[in-house]
Amino acid sequence: MSSTVKQVQQDLRELMQRDVHLDYRPQGHLADRPTRRSSVLILFGALDRTPATESAGSVPPELDVLLIRRSNTLRHHPGEIAFPGVALSRRIVTSL
């Protein structure tokens, strides 16, 4: 595992170069519903100047991950902690 920010950055660059295909198929009560294209932002970096007080040992204490708390007024997964994300519309996909 990586132990410095530069090593983590290099590891992430190498992972992004891989051709990864995830064949996700809903299960359970959602199995018969159509899927939607969506994306999440996984932001790694030094997001503040406060190092972690607890560490996995293999990750630099200054490396952070951005998470959000979903609104309590949402129909699906209200109040949950999540990565920032968005459902992709055809307009967004074609502009990428």
PDB file of N, CA and C in Angstrom:
ATOM      1  N   MET A   1       0.824  -1.185   0.000  1.00  0.00           N
ATOM      2  CA  MET A   1       0.000   0.000   0.000  1.00  0.00           C
ATOM      3  C   MET A   1       0.869   1.251   0.000  1.00  0.00           C
ATOM      4  N   SER A   2       0.290   2.339  -0.457  1.00  0.00           N
ATOM      5  CA  SER A   2       1.007   3.604  -0.546  1.00  0.00           C
ATOM      6  C   SER A   2       1.131   4.257   0.819  1.00  0.00           C
ATOM      7  N   SER A   3       2.214   4.995   0.985  1.00  0.00           N
ATOM      8  CA  SER A   3       2.408   5.657   2.276  1.00  0.00           C
ATOM      9  C   SER A   3       2.619   7.156   2.151  1.00  0.00           C
ATOM     10  N   THR A   4       2.718   7.696   0.955  1.00  0.00           N
ATOM     11  CA  THR A   4       2.849   9.139   0.782  1.00  0.00           C
ATOM     12  C   THR A   4       1.783   9.621  -0.202  1.00  0.00           C
ATOM     13  N   VAL A   5       1.514  10.923  -0.156  1.00  0.00           N
ATOM     14  CA  VAL A   5       0.522  11.498  -1.056  1.00  0.00           C
ATOM     15  C   VAL A   5       0.935  11.275  -2.508  1.00  0.00           C
ATOM     16  N   LYS A   6       2.210  11.456  -2.827  1.00  0.00           N
ATOM     17  CA  LYS A   6       2.676  11.257  -4.205  1.00  0.00           C
ATOM     18  C   LYS A   6       2.463   9.818  -4.657  1.00  0.00           C
ATOM     19  N   GLN A   7       2.696   8.862  -3.756  1.00  0.00           N
ATOM     20  CA  GLN A   7       2.480   7.461  -4.122  1.00  0.00           C
ATOM     21  C   GLN A   7       0.992   7.178  -4.338  1.00  0.00           C
ATOM     22  N   VAL A   8       0.136   7.762  -3.498  1.00  0.00           N
ATOM     23  CA  VAL A   8      -1.307   7.584  -3.667  1.00  0.00           C
ATOM     24  C   VAL A   8      -1.751   8.191  -4.995  1.00  0.00           C
ATOM     25  N   GLN A   9      -1.252   9.379  -5.329  1.00  0.00           N
ATOM     26  CA  GLN A   9      -1.590  10.008  -6.603  1.00  0.00           C
ATOM     27  C   GLN A   9      -1.174   9.120  -7.767  1.00  0.00           C
ATOM     28  N   GLN A  10       0.020   8.551  -7.703  1.00  0.00           N
ATOM     29  CA  GLN A  10       0.491   7.663  -8.765  1.00  0.00           C
ATOM     30  C   GLN A  10      -0.381   6.414  -8.858  1.00  0.00           C
ATOM     31  N   ASP A  11      -0.746   5.843  -7.722  1.00  0.00           N
ATOM     32  CA  ASP A  11      -1.631   4.674  -7.706  1.00  0.00           C
ATOM     33  C   ASP A  11      -2.969   4.996  -8.375  1.00  0.00           C
ATOM     34  N   LEU A  12      -3.544   6.174  -8.062  1.00  0.00           N
ATOM     35  CA  LEU A  12      -4.818   6.565  -8.665  1.00  0.00           C
ATOM     36  C   LEU A  12      -4.686   6.782 -10.168  1.00  0.00           C
ATOM     37  N   ARG A  13      -3.583   7.405 -10.606  1.00  0.00           N
ATOM     38  CA  ARG A  13      -3.370   7.591 -12.045  1.00  0.00           C
ATOM     39  C   ARG A  13      -3.314   6.244 -12.768  1.00  0.00           C
ATOM     40  N   GLU A  14      -2.619   5.288 -12.172  1.00  0.00           N
ATOM     41  CA  GLU A  14      -2.519   3.956 -12.774  1.00  0.00           C
ATOM     42  C   GLU A  14      -3.874   3.265 -12.825  1.00  0.00           C
ATOM     43  N   LEU A  15      -4.662   3.411 -11.779  1.00  0.00           N
ATOM     44  CA  LEU A  15      -6.001   2.819 -11.780  1.00  0.00           C
ATOM     45  C   LEU A  15      -6.888   3.437 -12.858  1.00  0.00           C
ATOM     46  N   MET A  16      -6.767   4.746 -13.074  1.00  0.00           N
ATOM     47  CA  MET A  16      -7.579   5.426 -14.081  1.00  0.00           C
ATOM     48  C   MET A  16      -7.224   4.992 -15.493  1.00  0.00           C
ATOM     49  N   GLN A  17      -6.020   4.498 -15.709  1.00  0.00           N
ATOM     50  CA  GLN A  17      -5.586   4.061 -17.030  1.00  0.00           C
ATOM     51  C   GLN A  17      -6.159   2.686 -17.401  1.00  0.00           C
ATOM     52  N   ARG A  18      -6.617   1.942 -16.408  1.00  0.00           N
ATOM     53  CA  ARG A  18      -7.156   0.608 -16.666  1.00  0.00           C
ATOM     54  C   ARG A  18      -8.520   0.696 -17.335  1.00  0.00           C
ATOM     55  N   ASP A  19      -8.813  -0.264 -18.188  1.00  0.00           N
ATOM     56  CA  ASP A  19     -10.122  -0.349 -18.828  1.00  0.00           C
ATOM     57  C   ASP A  19     -11.007  -1.222 -17.948  1.00  0.00           C
ATOM     58  N   VAL A  20     -11.849  -0.576 -17.141  1.00  0.00           N
ATOM     59  CA  VAL A  20     -12.675  -1.303 -16.189  1.00  0.00           C
ATOM     60  C   VAL A  20     -14.130  -1.238 -16.640  1.00  0.00           C
ATOM     61  N   HIS A  21     -14.785  -2.396 -16.682  1.00  0.00           N
ATOM     62  CA  HIS A  21     -16.200  -2.462 -17.008  1.00  0.00           C
ATOM     63  C   HIS A  21     -16.925  -3.124 -15.848  1.00  0.00           C
ATOM     64  N   LEU A  22     -17.876  -2.413 -15.277  1.00  0.00           N
ATOM     65  CA  LEU A  22     -18.667  -2.967 -14.189  1.00  0.00           C
ATOM     66  C   LEU A  22     -20.036  -3.357 -14.731  1.00  0.00           C
ATOM     67  N   ASP A  23     -20.351  -4.625 -14.666  1.00  0.00           N
ATOM     68  CA  ASP A  23     -21.642  -5.115 -15.151  1.00  0.00           C
ATOM     69  C   ASP A  23     -22.598  -5.171 -13.971  1.00  0.00           C
ATOM     70  N   TYR A  24     -23.244  -4.048 -13.704  1.00  0.00           N
ATOM     71  CA  TYR A  24     -24.132  -3.949 -12.554  1.00  0.00           C
ATOM     72  C   TYR A  24     -25.543  -4.329 -12.967  1.00  0.00           C
ATOM     73  N   ARG A  25     -26.112  -5.268 -12.255  1.00  0.00           N
ATOM     74  CA  ARG A  25     -27.503  -5.662 -12.472  1.00  0.00           C
ATOM     75  C   ARG A  25     -28.231  -5.576 -11.139  1.00  0.00           C
ATOM     76  N   PRO A  26     -29.322  -4.786 -11.098  1.00  0.00           N
ATOM     77  CA  PRO A  26     -30.068  -4.672  -9.846  1.00  0.00           C
ATOM     78  C   PRO A  26     -30.577  -6.032  -9.380  1.00  0.00           C
ATOM     79  N   GLN A  27     -30.704  -6.174  -8.081  1.00  0.00           N
ATOM     80  CA  GLN A  27     -31.180  -7.423  -7.499  1.00  0.00           C
ATOM     81  C   GLN A  27     -32.378  -7.162  -6.608  1.00  0.00           C
ATOM     82  N   GLY A  28     -33.020  -8.225  -6.176  1.00  0.00           N
ATOM     83  CA  GLY A  28     -34.144  -8.103  -5.258  1.00  0.00           C
ATOM     84  C   GLY A  28     -35.333  -7.418  -5.896  1.00  0.00           C
ATOM     85  N   HIS A  29     -35.989  -6.545  -5.122  1.00  0.00           N
ATOM     86  CA  HIS A  29     -37.213  -5.900  -5.613  1.00  0.00           C
ATOM     87  C   HIS A  29     -36.947  -4.886  -6.734  1.00  0.00           C
ATOM     88  N   LEU A  30     -35.692  -4.543  -6.987  1.00  0.00           N
ATOM     89  CA  LEU A  30     -35.356  -3.600  -8.074  1.00  0.00           C
ATOM     90  C   LEU A  30     -34.956  -4.305  -9.366  1.00  0.00           C
ATOM     91  N   ALA A  31     -34.926  -5.625  -9.378  1.00  0.00           N
ATOM     92  CA  ALA A  31     -34.412  -6.371 -10.533  1.00  0.00           C
ATOM     93  C   ALA A  31     -35.196  -6.113 -11.816  1.00  0.00           C
ATOM     94  N   ASP A  32     -36.474  -5.809 -11.724  1.00  0.00           N
ATOM     95  CA  ASP A  32     -37.279  -5.610 -12.930  1.00  0.00           C
ATOM     96  C   ASP A  32     -37.361  -4.149 -13.362  1.00  0.00           C
ATOM     97  N   ARG A  33     -36.696  -3.258 -12.658  1.00  0.00           N
ATOM     98  CA  ARG A  33     -36.743  -1.840 -13.008  1.00  0.00           C
ATOM     99  C   ARG A  33     -35.563  -1.464 -13.886  1.00  0.00           C
ATOM    100  N   PRO A  34     -35.757  -0.518 -14.808  1.00  0.00           N
ATOM    101  CA  PRO A  34     -34.635  -0.091 -15.659  1.00  0.00           C
ATOM    102  C   PRO A  34     -33.594   0.677 -14.844  1.00  0.00           C
ATOM    103  N   THR A  35     -32.352   0.586 -15.269  1.00  0.00           N
ATOM    104  CA  THR A  35     -31.290   1.311 -14.587  1.00  0.00           C
ATOM    105  C   THR A  35     -31.132   2.696 -15.199  1.00  0.00           C
ATOM    106  N   ARG A  36     -30.516   3.603 -14.446  1.00  0.00           N
ATOM    107  CA  ARG A  36     -30.221   4.953 -14.934  1.00  0.00           C
ATOM    108  C   ARG A  36     -28.716   5.143 -14.938  1.00  0.00           C
ATOM    109  N   ARG A  37     -28.236   5.869 -15.911  1.00  0.00           N
ATOM    110  CA  ARG A  37     -26.809   6.224 -15.905  1.00  0.00           C
ATOM    111  C   ARG A  37     -26.604   7.311 -14.871  1.00  0.00           C
ATOM    112  N   SER A  38     -25.544   7.161 -14.105  1.00  0.00           N
ATOM    113  CA  SER A  38     -25.241   8.156 -13.087  1.00  0.00           C
ATOM    114  C   SER A  38     -23.739   8.160 -12.856  1.00  0.00           C
ATOM    115  N   SER A  39     -23.295   9.113 -12.088  1.00  0.00           N
ATOM    116  CA  SER A  39     -21.874   9.172 -11.769  1.00  0.00           C
ATOM    117  C   SER A  39     -21.700   9.711 -10.360  1.00  0.00           C
ATOM    118  N   VAL A  40     -20.556   9.415  -9.788  1.00  0.00           N
ATOM    119  CA  VAL A  40     -20.204   9.970  -8.481  1.00  0.00           C
ATOM    120  C   VAL A  40     -18.821  10.584  -8.595  1.00  0.00           C
ATOM    121  N   LEU A  41     -18.585  11.548  -7.751  1.00  0.00           N
ATOM    122  CA  LEU A  41     -17.276  12.182  -7.666  1.00  0.00           C
ATOM    123  C   LEU A  41     -16.597  11.641  -6.427  1.00  0.00           C
ATOM    124  N   ILE A  42     -15.440  11.040  -6.600  1.00  0.00           N
ATOM    125  CA  ILE A  42     -14.649  10.592  -5.463  1.00  0.00           C
ATOM    126  C   ILE A  42     -13.416  11.494  -5.429  1.00  0.00           C
ATOM    127  N   LEU A  43     -13.457  12.462  -4.537  1.00  0.00           N
ATOM    128  CA  LEU A  43     -12.411  13.476  -4.480  1.00  0.00           C
ATOM    129  C   LEU A  43     -11.426  13.141  -3.363  1.00  0.00           C
ATOM    130  N   PHE A  44     -10.205  12.840  -3.756  1.00  0.00           N
ATOM    131  CA  PHE A  44      -9.127  12.562  -2.811  1.00  0.00           C
ATOM    132  C   PHE A  44      -8.227  13.783  -2.758  1.00  0.00           C
ATOM    133  N   GLY A  45      -7.723  14.109  -1.604  1.00  0.00           N
ATOM    134  CA  GLY A  45      -6.772  15.204  -1.507  1.00  0.00           C
ATOM    135  C   GLY A  45      -6.691  15.739  -0.097  1.00  0.00           C
ATOM    136  N   ALA A  46      -5.907  16.759   0.058  1.00  0.00           N
ATOM    137  CA  ALA A  46      -5.810  17.442   1.349  1.00  0.00           C
ATOM    138  C   ALA A  46      -6.895  18.505   1.353  1.00  0.00           C
ATOM    139  N   LEU A  47      -8.054  18.182   1.939  1.00  0.00           N
ATOM    140  CA  LEU A  47      -9.201  19.074   1.898  1.00  0.00           C
ATOM    141  C   LEU A  47      -9.194  20.089   3.036  1.00  0.00           C
ATOM    142  N   ASP A  48      -8.367  19.847   4.026  1.00  0.00           N
ATOM    143  CA  ASP A  48      -8.228  20.800   5.119  1.00  0.00           C
ATOM    144  C   ASP A  48      -6.801  20.701   5.653  1.00  0.00           C
ATOM    145  N   ARG A  49      -6.521  21.445   6.665  1.00  0.00           N
ATOM    146  CA  ARG A  49      -5.160  21.427   7.225  1.00  0.00           C
ATOM    147  C   ARG A  49      -5.080  20.597   8.498  1.00  0.00           C
ATOM    148  N   THR A  50      -6.062  19.725   8.703  1.00  0.00           N
ATOM    149  CA  THR A  50      -6.107  18.914   9.909  1.00  0.00           C
ATOM    150  C   THR A  50      -5.841  17.460   9.549  1.00  0.00           C
ATOM    151  N   PRO A  51      -4.693  16.923   9.955  1.00  0.00           N
ATOM    152  CA  PRO A  51      -4.427  15.513   9.659  1.00  0.00           C
ATOM    153  C   PRO A  51      -5.343  14.604  10.470  1.00  0.00           C
ATOM    154  N   ALA A  52      -5.581  13.420   9.946  1.00  0.00           N
ATOM    155  CA  ALA A  52      -6.433  12.447  10.629  1.00  0.00           C
ATOM    156  C   ALA A  52      -5.829  12.064  11.971  1.00  0.00           C
ATOM    157  N   THR A  53      -6.682  11.869  12.949  1.00  0.00           N
ATOM    158  CA  THR A  53      -6.201  11.424  14.259  1.00  0.00           C
ATOM    159  C   THR A  53      -6.084   9.909  14.309  1.00  0.00           C
ATOM    160  N   GLU A  54      -6.841   9.231  13.446  1.00  0.00           N
ATOM    161  CA  GLU A  54      -6.740   7.780  13.331  1.00  0.00           C
ATOM    162  C   GLU A  54      -6.418   7.471  11.878  1.00  0.00           C
ATOM    163  N   SER A  55      -5.570   6.500  11.661  1.00  0.00           N
ATOM    164  CA  SER A  55      -5.153   6.187  10.301  1.00  0.00           C
ATOM    165  C   SER A  55      -5.122   4.683  10.101  1.00  0.00           C
ATOM    166  N   ALA A  56      -5.343   4.279   8.857  1.00  0.00           N
ATOM    167  CA  ALA A  56      -5.257   2.861   8.509  1.00  0.00           C
ATOM    168  C   ALA A  56      -3.803   2.419   8.433  1.00  0.00           C
ATOM    169  N   GLY A  57      -2.882   3.349   8.544  1.00  0.00           N
ATOM    170  CA  GLY A  57      -1.467   3.014   8.475  1.00  0.00           C
ATOM    171  C   GLY A  57      -0.933   2.996   7.059  1.00  0.00           C
ATOM    172  N   SER A  58      -1.771   2.606   6.093  1.00  0.00           N
ATOM    173  CA  SER A  58      -1.323   2.543   4.711  1.00  0.00           C
ATOM    174  C   SER A  58      -1.707   3.795   3.928  1.00  0.00           C
ATOM    175  N   VAL A  59      -2.392   4.726   4.570  1.00  0.00           N
ATOM    176  CA  VAL A  59      -2.845   5.955   3.922  1.00  0.00           C
ATOM    177  C   VAL A  59      -2.264   7.138   4.677  1.00  0.00           C
ATOM    178  N   PRO A  60      -1.699   8.113   3.966  1.00  0.00           N
ATOM    179  CA  PRO A  60      -1.148   9.282   4.648  1.00  0.00           C
ATOM    180  C   PRO A  60      -2.221  10.013   5.456  1.00  0.00           C
ATOM    181  N   PRO A  61      -1.908  10.497   6.649  1.00  0.00           N
ATOM    182  CA  PRO A  61      -2.916  11.144   7.492  1.00  0.00           C
ATOM    183  C   PRO A  61      -3.476  12.431   6.893  1.00  0.00           C
ATOM    184  N   GLU A  62      -2.774  13.056   5.958  1.00  0.00           N
ATOM    185  CA  GLU A  62      -3.282  14.286   5.352  1.00  0.00           C
ATOM    186  C   GLU A  62      -4.202  14.035   4.155  1.00  0.00           C
ATOM    187  N   LEU A  63      -4.384  12.775   3.767  1.00  0.00           N
ATOM    188  CA  LEU A  63      -5.232  12.444   2.622  1.00  0.00           C
ATOM    189  C   LEU A  63      -6.686  12.332   3.069  1.00  0.00           C
ATOM    190  N   ASP A  64      -7.567  13.103   2.446  1.00  0.00           N
ATOM    191  CA  ASP A  64      -8.986  13.137   2.793  1.00  0.00           C
ATOM    192  C   ASP A  64      -9.829  12.630   1.624  1.00  0.00           C
ATOM    193  N   VAL A  65     -11.081  12.273   1.921  1.00  0.00           N
ATOM    194  CA  VAL A  65     -12.079  11.904   0.912  1.00  0.00           C
ATOM    195  C   VAL A  65     -13.303  12.766   1.183  1.00  0.00           C
ATOM    196  N   LEU A  66     -13.843  13.398   0.143  1.00  0.00           N
ATOM    197  CA  LEU A  66     -15.010  14.258   0.291  1.00  0.00           C
ATOM    198  C   LEU A  66     -16.283  13.425   0.291  1.00  0.00           C
ATOM    199  N   LEU A  67     -17.113  13.595   1.327  1.00  0.00           N
ATOM    200  CA  LEU A  67     -18.416  12.944   1.438  1.00  0.00           C
ATOM    201  C   LEU A  67     -19.464  14.011   1.701  1.00  0.00           C
ATOM    202  N   ILE A  68     -20.719  13.691   1.394  1.00  0.00           N
ATOM    203  CA  ILE A  68     -21.829  14.606   1.683  1.00  0.00           C
ATOM    204  C   ILE A  68     -22.858  13.876   2.542  1.00  0.00           C
ATOM    205  N   ARG A  69     -23.730  14.636   3.164  1.00  0.00           N
ATOM    206  CA  ARG A  69     -24.884  14.055   3.854  1.00  0.00           C
ATOM    207  C   ARG A  69     -26.105  14.416   3.025  1.00  0.00           C
ATOM    208  N   ARG A  70     -26.840  13.386   2.573  1.00  0.00           N
ATOM    209  CA  ARG A  70     -28.017  13.612   1.742  1.00  0.00           C
ATOM    210  C   ARG A  70     -29.120  14.278   2.564  1.00  0.00           C
ATOM    211  N   SER A  71     -29.898  15.123   1.917  1.00  0.00           N
ATOM    212  CA  SER A  71     -30.972  15.846   2.580  1.00  0.00           C
ATOM    213  C   SER A  71     -31.997  14.879   3.182  1.00  0.00           C
ATOM    214  N   ASN A  72     -32.549  15.247   4.312  1.00  0.00           N
ATOM    215  CA  ASN A  72     -33.599  14.431   4.942  1.00  0.00           C
ATOM    216  C   ASN A  72     -34.907  14.462   4.170  1.00  0.00           C
ATOM    217  N   THR A  73     -35.038  15.392   3.216  1.00  0.00           N
ATOM    218  CA  THR A  73     -36.285  15.509   2.454  1.00  0.00           C
ATOM    219  C   THR A  73     -36.302  14.659   1.181  1.00  0.00           C
ATOM    220  N   LEU A  74     -35.210  13.967   0.875  1.00  0.00           N
ATOM    221  CA  LEU A  74     -35.158  13.140  -0.341  1.00  0.00           C
ATOM    222  C   LEU A  74     -35.984  11.868  -0.161  1.00  0.00           C
ATOM    223  N   ARG A  75     -36.563  11.368  -1.275  1.00  0.00           N
ATOM    224  CA  ARG A  75     -37.347  10.124  -1.229  1.00  0.00           C
ATOM    225  C   ARG A  75     -36.468   8.902  -1.026  1.00  0.00           C
ATOM    226  N   HIS A  76     -35.306   8.907  -1.640  1.00  0.00           N
ATOM    227  CA  HIS A  76     -34.429   7.749  -1.586  1.00  0.00           C
ATOM    228  C   HIS A  76     -33.185   8.060  -0.750  1.00  0.00           C
ATOM    229  N   HIS A  77     -32.889   7.233   0.203  1.00  0.00           N
ATOM    230  CA  HIS A  77     -31.704   7.327   1.049  1.00  0.00           C
ATOM    231  C   HIS A  77     -31.578   8.682   1.763  1.00  0.00           C
ATOM    232  N   PRO A  78     -32.672   9.178   2.370  1.00  0.00           N
ATOM    233  CA  PRO A  78     -32.569  10.476   3.060  1.00  0.00           C
ATOM    234  C   PRO A  78     -31.613  10.408   4.240  1.00  0.00           C
ATOM    235  N   GLY A  79     -30.828  11.473   4.396  1.00  0.00           N
ATOM    236  CA  GLY A  79     -29.945  11.602   5.535  1.00  0.00           C
ATOM    237  C   GLY A  79     -28.707  10.726   5.518  1.00  0.00           C
ATOM    238  N   GLU A  80     -28.512   9.949   4.450  1.00  0.00           N
ATOM    239  CA  GLU A  80     -27.353   9.055   4.403  1.00  0.00           C
ATOM    240  C   GLU A  80     -26.087   9.800   3.988  1.00  0.00           C
ATOM    241  N   ILE A  81     -24.947   9.263   4.408  1.00  0.00           N
ATOM    242  CA  ILE A  81     -23.646   9.774   3.985  1.00  0.00           C
ATOM    243  C   ILE A  81     -23.334   9.152   2.627  1.00  0.00           C
ATOM    244  N   ALA A  82     -22.850   9.962   1.684  1.00  0.00           N
ATOM    245  CA  ALA A  82     -22.643   9.470   0.318  1.00  0.00           C
ATOM    246  C   ALA A  82     -21.536  10.261  -0.373  1.00  0.00           C
ATOM    247  N   PHE A  83     -21.088   9.729  -1.505  1.00  0.00           N
ATOM    248  CA  PHE A  83     -20.227  10.493  -2.392  1.00  0.00           C
ATOM    249  C   PHE A  83     -21.117  11.478  -3.151  1.00  0.00           C
ATOM    250  N   PRO A  84     -20.626  12.673  -3.490  1.00  0.00           N
ATOM    251  CA  PRO A  84     -21.409  13.578  -4.333  1.00  0.00           C
ATOM    252  C   PRO A  84     -21.651  12.915  -5.683  1.00  0.00           C
ATOM    253  N   GLY A  85     -22.832  13.072  -6.229  1.00  0.00           N
ATOM    254  CA  GLY A  85     -23.123  12.429  -7.512  1.00  0.00           C
ATOM    255  C   GLY A  85     -24.336  13.044  -8.177  1.00  0.00           C
ATOM    256  N   VAL A  86     -24.632  12.523  -9.362  1.00  0.00           N
ATOM    257  CA  VAL A  86     -25.737  13.055 -10.154  1.00  0.00           C
ATOM    258  C   VAL A  86     -26.207  11.988 -11.133  1.00  0.00           C
ATOM    259  N   ALA A  87     -27.519  11.974 -11.399  1.00  0.00           N
ATOM    260  CA  ALA A  87     -28.044  11.147 -12.475  1.00  0.00           C
ATOM    261  C   ALA A  87     -27.662  11.835 -13.786  1.00  0.00           C
ATOM    262  N   LEU A  88     -27.225  11.062 -14.756  1.00  0.00           N
ATOM    263  CA  LEU A  88     -26.784  11.648 -16.026  1.00  0.00           C
ATOM    264  C   LEU A  88     -27.947  11.730 -17.004  1.00  0.00           C
ATOM    265  N   SER A  89     -28.186  12.913 -17.536  1.00  0.00           N
ATOM    266  CA  SER A  89     -29.173  13.068 -18.592  1.00  0.00           C
ATOM    267  C   SER A  89     -28.456  12.900 -19.928  1.00  0.00           C
ATOM    268  N   ARG A  90     -29.209  12.666 -20.964  1.00  0.00           N
ATOM    269  CA  ARG A  90     -28.615  12.519 -22.302  1.00  0.00           C
ATOM    270  C   ARG A  90     -27.815  13.765 -22.667  1.00  0.00           C
ATOM    271  N   ARG A  91     -28.299  14.939 -22.254  1.00  0.00           N
ATOM    272  CA  ARG A  91     -27.609  16.200 -22.557  1.00  0.00           C
ATOM    273  C   ARG A  91     -26.232  16.247 -21.881  1.00  0.00           C
ATOM    274  N   ILE A  92     -26.153  15.809 -20.634  1.00  0.00           N
ATOM    275  CA  ILE A  92     -24.871  15.818 -19.929  1.00  0.00           C
ATOM    276  C   ILE A  92     -23.904  14.830 -20.573  1.00  0.00           C
ATOM    277  N   VAL A  93     -24.387  13.628 -20.897  1.00  0.00           N
ATOM    278  CA  VAL A  93     -23.519  12.598 -21.468  1.00  0.00           C
ATOM    279  C   VAL A  93     -22.942  13.052 -22.798  1.00  0.00           C
ATOM    280  N   THR A  94     -23.743  13.672 -23.655  1.00  0.00           N
ATOM    281  CA  THR A  94     -23.238  14.089 -24.955  1.00  0.00           C
ATOM    282  C   THR A  94     -22.273  15.260 -24.851  1.00  0.00           C
ATOM    283  N   SER A  95     -22.376  16.056 -23.787  1.00  0.00           N
ATOM    284  CA  SER A  95     -21.459  17.180 -23.654  1.00  0.00           C
ATOM    285  C   SER A  95     -20.116  16.780 -23.072  1.00  0.00           C
ATOM    286  N   LEU A  96     -20.024  15.570 -22.530  1.00  0.00           N
ATOM    287  CA  LEU A  96     -18.753  15.117 -21.989  1.00  0.00           C
ATOM    288  C   LEU A  96     -17.894  14.729 -23.121  1.00  0.00           C
TER     289      LEU A  96
END
